[in-house]
């Protein structure tokens, strides 16, 4: 289900040797060899790839976008380094796309995830990963 969403929305297909493992709320990406491993105290089955359900529907995680965002061929927007810095400072960017958007840098690598609505791209970056600027007192 998550793999179908990623392909339909972004055109992303995982490289050979990797699989998605779905749990209650999250989806993980791991090597195929780890797909059948199950231990009582195992909390994660790999890297968190995203949430199965959010207010946006299925949503890839920032780590997934940073790792696999270069594979996206649809619903992406290239931004300059300065625009990406502003995006990580929680600034909206004027654009005309709707829904989840993968932000790519000038080299085509995944840089962030955003949500486009009403002509603006809003950052979907966890608060603890936003860059805070402190002014001199």
Protein backbone atom coordinates (compact mmCIF):
# COMPACT_ATOMS: atom_id res chain seq x y z
CA UNK A 1 0.00 0.00 0.00
CA UNK A 2 2.73 2.51 0.98
CA UNK A 3 4.87 1.43 -1.99
CA UNK A 4 1.91 1.99 -4.33
CA UNK A 5 1.34 5.44 -2.83
CA UNK A 6 5.01 6.43 -3.31
CA UNK A 7 4.98 5.22 -6.90
CA UNK A 8 1.68 6.93 -7.74
CA UNK A 9 2.52 10.23 -6.04
CA UNK A 10 6.28 10.58 -6.62
CA UNK A 11 7.27 7.82 -9.07
CA UNK A 12 9.57 6.32 -6.42
CA UNK A 13 10.48 2.64 -6.60
CA UNK A 14 12.81 1.14 -4.02
CA UNK A 15 16.11 -0.25 -5.28
CA UNK A 16 16.41 -4.05 -5.45
CA UNK A 17 17.20 -5.63 -2.13
CA UNK A 18 14.98 -3.28 -0.07
CA UNK A 19 11.43 -3.82 1.12
CA UNK A 20 8.76 -2.00 3.07
CA UNK A 21 7.63 -3.48 6.37
CA UNK A 22 4.28 -2.19 7.63
CA UNK A 23 3.47 -2.02 11.33
CA UNK A 24 0.53 -0.45 13.16
CA UNK A 25 1.12 3.22 12.34
CA UNK A 26 4.46 3.35 10.57
CA UNK A 27 6.14 1.86 7.55
CA UNK A 28 9.81 0.91 7.63
CA UNK A 29 12.33 0.28 4.87
CA UNK A 30 14.85 -2.52 5.39
CA UNK A 31 16.92 -5.09 3.54
CA UNK A 32 14.93 -8.06 2.21
CA UNK A 33 16.91 -10.37 4.49
CA UNK A 34 15.46 -8.60 7.54
CA UNK A 35 11.86 -8.91 6.36
CA UNK A 36 11.13 -12.08 8.34
CA UNK A 37 13.09 -11.20 11.49
CA UNK A 38 10.89 -10.90 14.56
CA UNK A 39 12.04 -10.46 18.14
CA UNK A 40 9.80 -9.57 21.11
CA UNK A 41 11.80 -6.44 21.98
CA UNK A 42 12.44 -5.31 18.43
CA UNK A 43 10.97 -1.82 18.19
CA UNK A 44 11.94 -0.99 14.64
CA UNK A 45 12.26 -3.09 11.55
CA UNK A 46 14.56 -0.63 9.76
CA UNK A 47 14.52 3.06 8.95
CA UNK A 48 11.14 4.76 9.34
CA UNK A 49 9.88 5.34 5.82
CA UNK A 50 6.74 7.15 6.87
CA UNK A 51 3.30 7.07 8.41
CA UNK A 52 0.52 4.93 7.02
CA UNK A 53 -2.03 7.63 7.86
CA UNK A 54 -1.72 11.33 8.66
CA UNK A 55 -3.86 14.38 7.97
CA UNK A 56 -2.33 14.25 4.46
CA UNK A 57 -2.95 10.51 4.01
CA UNK A 58 0.18 8.35 3.75
CA UNK A 59 3.24 10.55 4.36
CA UNK A 60 6.94 9.79 3.85
CA UNK A 61 9.30 10.70 6.68
CA UNK A 62 11.95 13.39 6.34
CA UNK A 63 14.68 10.74 6.64
CA UNK A 64 13.11 8.77 3.80
CA UNK A 65 12.98 11.91 1.63
CA UNK A 66 16.61 12.74 2.43
CA UNK A 67 17.70 9.18 1.58
CA UNK A 68 15.47 8.33 -1.39
CA UNK A 69 14.20 11.73 -2.60
CA UNK A 70 16.57 11.63 -5.56
CA UNK A 71 14.45 8.78 -6.97
CA UNK A 72 11.34 11.00 -7.20
CA UNK A 73 10.33 11.89 -10.75
CA UNK A 74 6.91 13.47 -10.05
CA UNK A 75 5.58 16.09 -7.63
CA UNK A 76 8.98 17.58 -6.90
CA UNK A 77 10.24 21.12 -6.87
CA UNK A 78 13.88 22.17 -7.20
CA UNK A 79 15.01 24.88 -4.82
CA UNK A 80 18.27 26.77 -4.41
CA UNK A 81 20.32 26.34 -1.25
CA UNK A 82 19.09 29.73 0.03
CA UNK A 83 15.44 28.75 -0.52
CA UNK A 84 16.03 25.42 1.25
CA UNK A 85 17.58 27.28 4.22
CA UNK A 86 14.49 29.49 4.42
CA UNK A 87 12.28 26.40 4.16
CA UNK A 88 14.11 24.88 7.15
CA UNK A 89 13.45 28.12 9.01
CA UNK A 90 9.71 27.34 8.60
CA UNK A 91 9.11 29.87 5.81
CA UNK A 92 6.48 29.15 3.19
CA UNK A 93 7.40 29.28 -0.49
CA UNK A 94 5.14 30.63 -3.21
CA UNK A 95 4.29 27.91 -5.76
CA UNK A 96 1.33 26.44 -7.62
CA UNK A 97 1.50 22.67 -6.89
CA UNK A 98 -0.97 20.93 -4.58
CA UNK A 99 -0.51 18.08 -2.09
CA UNK A 100 2.71 16.48 -0.83
CA UNK A 101 5.81 17.74 -2.64
CA UNK A 102 9.40 16.55 -2.38
CA UNK A 103 11.84 19.46 -2.34
CA UNK A 104 15.05 18.69 -4.21
CA UNK A 105 18.29 20.65 -4.21
CA UNK A 106 20.12 21.80 -7.34
CA UNK A 107 21.75 18.36 -7.69
CA UNK A 108 18.36 16.59 -7.60
CA UNK A 109 18.79 15.11 -4.13
CA UNK A 110 15.91 15.06 -1.64
CA UNK A 111 16.13 18.02 0.73
CA UNK A 112 12.72 18.31 2.43
CA UNK A 113 9.03 17.51 2.29
CA UNK A 114 6.32 20.10 1.92
CA UNK A 115 2.60 20.43 1.39
CA UNK A 116 1.27 22.68 -1.35
CA UNK A 117 -2.07 24.43 -0.89
CA UNK A 118 -3.56 27.74 -2.03
CA UNK A 119 -0.39 28.78 -3.87
CA UNK A 120 1.99 28.13 -0.95
CA UNK A 121 4.36 25.30 -0.07
CA UNK A 122 4.42 24.73 3.70
CA UNK A 123 7.33 22.80 5.22
CA UNK A 124 6.55 19.41 6.78
CA UNK A 125 9.72 19.29 8.84
CA UNK A 126 9.67 18.09 12.46
CA UNK A 127 9.99 21.04 14.88
CA UNK A 128 13.17 19.67 16.44
CA UNK A 129 14.84 19.67 13.00
CA UNK A 130 13.91 23.21 12.04
CA UNK A 131 16.76 25.72 12.13
CA UNK A 132 16.17 28.44 14.67
CA UNK A 133 17.88 31.78 14.20
CA UNK A 134 18.76 33.68 17.34
CA UNK A 135 19.14 37.45 17.26
CA UNK A 136 21.76 39.17 19.38
CA UNK A 137 20.19 40.70 22.49
